[in-house]
Amino acid sequence: AGEQKAPGRTVCSCFSVGENAINAAIASGCDSAAALGKALRCGTNCGSCIPELNALLAKALLPEAAD
Protein backbone atom coordinates (compact mmCIF):
# COMPACT_ATOMS: atom_id res chain seq x y z
CA ALA A 1 0.00 0.00 0.00
CA GLY A 2 1.12 3.58 -0.62
CA GLU A 3 2.19 5.92 2.11
CA GLN A 4 -0.48 8.09 3.63
CA LYS A 5 0.27 11.70 4.46
CA ALA A 6 0.18 12.72 8.10
CA PRO A 7 -3.32 14.00 8.88
CA GLY A 8 -2.02 16.92 10.91
CA ARG A 9 -3.69 18.43 13.93
CA THR A 10 -7.24 17.13 14.36
CA VAL A 11 -9.80 19.81 13.56
CA CYS A 12 -12.96 17.70 13.37
CA SER A 13 -13.06 15.26 16.27
CA CYS A 14 -16.32 13.66 15.19
CA PHE A 15 -14.81 12.29 11.96
CA SER A 16 -11.07 12.54 12.79
CA VAL A 17 -10.36 15.02 10.01
CA GLY A 18 -6.95 16.66 10.23
CA GLU A 19 -5.76 20.09 9.22
CA ASN A 20 -3.62 18.72 6.37
CA ALA A 21 -6.60 16.98 4.77
CA ILE A 22 -8.67 20.16 5.11
CA ASN A 23 -5.94 22.31 3.55
CA ALA A 24 -5.59 19.80 0.69
CA ALA A 25 -9.34 19.94 0.08
CA ILE A 26 -9.24 23.75 0.06
CA ALA A 27 -6.37 23.63 -2.44
CA SER A 28 -8.47 21.25 -4.56
CA GLY A 29 -11.34 23.72 -4.77
CA CYS A 30 -13.42 23.54 -1.60
CA ASP A 31 -14.30 27.15 -0.85
CA SER A 32 -16.77 26.89 2.03
CA ALA A 33 -17.42 24.90 5.19
CA ALA A 34 -20.32 23.22 3.37
CA ALA A 35 -18.01 22.13 0.53
CA LEU A 36 -15.52 20.77 3.06
CA GLY A 37 -18.37 18.89 4.72
CA LYS A 38 -19.36 17.28 1.43
CA ALA A 39 -15.77 16.31 0.66
CA LEU A 40 -14.55 15.24 4.11
CA ARG A 41 -17.65 15.15 6.37
CA CYS A 42 -16.00 17.67 8.72
CA GLY A 43 -18.47 20.07 10.28
CA THR A 44 -21.46 17.85 9.49
CA ASN A 45 -22.07 16.27 12.90
CA CYS A 46 -21.87 18.47 16.00
CA GLY A 47 -20.66 21.56 14.13
CA SER A 48 -18.18 22.72 16.75
CA CYS A 49 -15.34 22.77 14.21
CA ILE A 50 -17.12 25.06 11.72
CA PRO A 51 -15.51 28.26 13.10
CA GLU A 52 -12.08 26.67 12.69
CA LEU A 53 -12.98 25.45 9.19
CA ASN A 54 -13.95 29.02 8.31
CA ALA A 55 -10.66 30.30 9.76
CA LEU A 56 -8.66 27.81 7.68
CA LEU A 57 -10.65 28.83 4.60
CA ALA A 58 -10.01 32.51 5.26
CA LYS A 59 -6.31 31.89 5.82
CA ALA A 60 -5.97 29.89 2.59
CA LEU A 61 -8.26 31.96 0.36
CA LEU A 62 -7.45 35.42 1.74
CA PRO A 63 -3.89 35.16 3.07
CA GLU A 64 -3.53 38.95 3.26
CA ALA A 65 -6.54 39.11 5.61
CA ALA A 66 -4.89 36.73 8.07
CA ASP A 67 -2.00 39.12 8.72
C-alpha atoms as a PDB file:
ATOM      1  CA  ALA A   1       0.000   0.000   0.000  1.00  0.00           C
ATOM      2  CA  GLY A   2       1.117   3.584  -0.621  1.00  0.00           C
ATOM      3  CA  GLU A   3       2.194   5.918   2.108  1.00  0.00           C
ATOM      4  CA  GLN A   4      -0.476   8.092   3.629  1.00  0.00           C
ATOM      5  CA  LYS A   5       0.273  11.697   4.456  1.00  0.00           C
ATOM      6  CA  ALA A   6       0.182  12.724   8.095  1.00  0.00           C
ATOM      7  CA  PRO A   7      -3.319  14.005   8.880  1.00  0.00           C
ATOM      8  CA  GLY A   8      -2.015  16.919  10.906  1.00  0.00           C
ATOM      9  CA  ARG A   9      -3.689  18.434  13.932  1.00  0.00           C
ATOM     10  CA  THR A  10      -7.243  17.126  14.355  1.00  0.00           C
ATOM     11  CA  VAL A  11      -9.799  19.811  13.558  1.00  0.00           C
ATOM     12  CA  CYS A  12     -12.956  17.699  13.370  1.00  0.00           C
ATOM     13  CA  SER A  13     -13.062  15.260  16.273  1.00  0.00           C
ATOM     14  CA  CYS A  14     -16.318  13.656  15.187  1.00  0.00           C
ATOM     15  CA  PHE A  15     -14.810  12.290  11.959  1.00  0.00           C
ATOM     16  CA  SER A  16     -11.073  12.538  12.789  1.00  0.00           C
ATOM     17  CA  VAL A  17     -10.356  15.021  10.010  1.00  0.00           C
ATOM     18  CA  GLY A  18      -6.951  16.658  10.227  1.00  0.00           C
ATOM     19  CA  GLU A  19      -5.758  20.089   9.216  1.00  0.00           C
ATOM     20  CA  ASN A  20      -3.617  18.723   6.370  1.00  0.00           C
ATOM     21  CA  ALA A  21      -6.604  16.983   4.769  1.00  0.00           C
ATOM     22  CA  ILE A  22      -8.673  20.163   5.108  1.00  0.00           C
ATOM     23  CA  ASN A  23      -5.938  22.306   3.549  1.00  0.00           C
ATOM     24  CA  ALA A  24      -5.591  19.804   0.694  1.00  0.00           C
ATOM     25  CA  ALA A  25      -9.343  19.937   0.075  1.00  0.00           C
ATOM     26  CA  ILE A  26      -9.242  23.748   0.064  1.00  0.00           C
ATOM     27  CA  ALA A  27      -6.371  23.630  -2.438  1.00  0.00           C
ATOM     28  CA  SER A  28      -8.468  21.252  -4.560  1.00  0.00           C
ATOM     29  CA  GLY A  29     -11.338  23.720  -4.773  1.00  0.00           C
ATOM     30  CA  CYS A  30     -13.416  23.537  -1.598  1.00  0.00           C
ATOM     31  CA  ASP A  31     -14.298  27.147  -0.848  1.00  0.00           C
ATOM     32  CA  SER A  32     -16.773  26.892   2.031  1.00  0.00           C
ATOM     33  CA  ALA A  33     -17.423  24.905   5.189  1.00  0.00           C
ATOM     34  CA  ALA A  34     -20.316  23.218   3.372  1.00  0.00           C
ATOM     35  CA  ALA A  35     -18.007  22.133   0.532  1.00  0.00           C
ATOM     36  CA  LEU A  36     -15.516  20.767   3.062  1.00  0.00           C
ATOM     37  CA  GLY A  37     -18.370  18.887   4.725  1.00  0.00           C
ATOM     38  CA  LYS A  38     -19.364  17.283   1.427  1.00  0.00           C
ATOM     39  CA  ALA A  39     -15.772  16.311   0.660  1.00  0.00           C
ATOM     40  CA  LEU A  40     -14.547  15.241   4.109  1.00  0.00           C
ATOM     41  CA  ARG A  41     -17.647  15.152   6.370  1.00  0.00           C
ATOM     42  CA  CYS A  42     -16.001  17.671   8.724  1.00  0.00           C
ATOM     43  CA  GLY A  43     -18.474  20.068  10.283  1.00  0.00           C
ATOM     44  CA  THR A  44     -21.456  17.854   9.494  1.00  0.00           C
ATOM     45  CA  ASN A  45     -22.075  16.274  12.896  1.00  0.00           C
ATOM     46  CA  CYS A  46     -21.875  18.469  16.001  1.00  0.00           C
ATOM     47  CA  GLY A  47     -20.658  21.564  14.134  1.00  0.00           C
ATOM     48  CA  SER A  48     -18.182  22.720  16.755  1.00  0.00           C
ATOM     49  CA  CYS A  49     -15.336  22.769  14.209  1.00  0.00           C
ATOM     50  CA  ILE A  50     -17.121  25.063  11.723  1.00  0.00           C
ATOM     51  CA  PRO A  51     -15.512  28.261  13.104  1.00  0.00           C
ATOM     52  CA  GLU A  52     -12.080  26.666  12.693  1.00  0.00           C
ATOM     53  CA  LEU A  53     -12.977  25.450   9.194  1.00  0.00           C
ATOM     54  CA  ASN A  54     -13.949  29.015   8.311  1.00  0.00           C
ATOM     55  CA  ALA A  55     -10.662  30.298   9.762  1.00  0.00           C
ATOM     56  CA  LEU A  56      -8.664  27.811   7.677  1.00  0.00           C
ATOM     57  CA  LEU A  57     -10.651  28.827   4.597  1.00  0.00           C
ATOM     58  CA  ALA A  58     -10.008  32.507   5.260  1.00  0.00           C
ATOM     59  CA  LYS A  59      -6.307  31.888   5.817  1.00  0.00           C
ATOM     60  CA  ALA A  60      -5.975  29.888   2.591  1.00  0.00           C
ATOM     61  CA  LEU A  61      -8.256  31.955   0.364  1.00  0.00           C
ATOM     62  CA  LEU A  62      -7.445  35.417   1.745  1.00  0.00           C
ATOM     63  CA  PRO A  63      -3.887  35.161   3.069  1.00  0.00           C
ATOM     64  CA  GLU A  64      -3.533  38.951   3.259  1.00  0.00           C
ATOM     65  CA  ALA A  65      -6.536  39.112   5.610  1.00  0.00           C
ATOM     66  CA  ALA A  66      -4.887  36.730   8.074  1.00  0.00           C
ATOM     67  CA  ASP A  67      -1.996  39.122   8.723  1.00  0.00           C
END
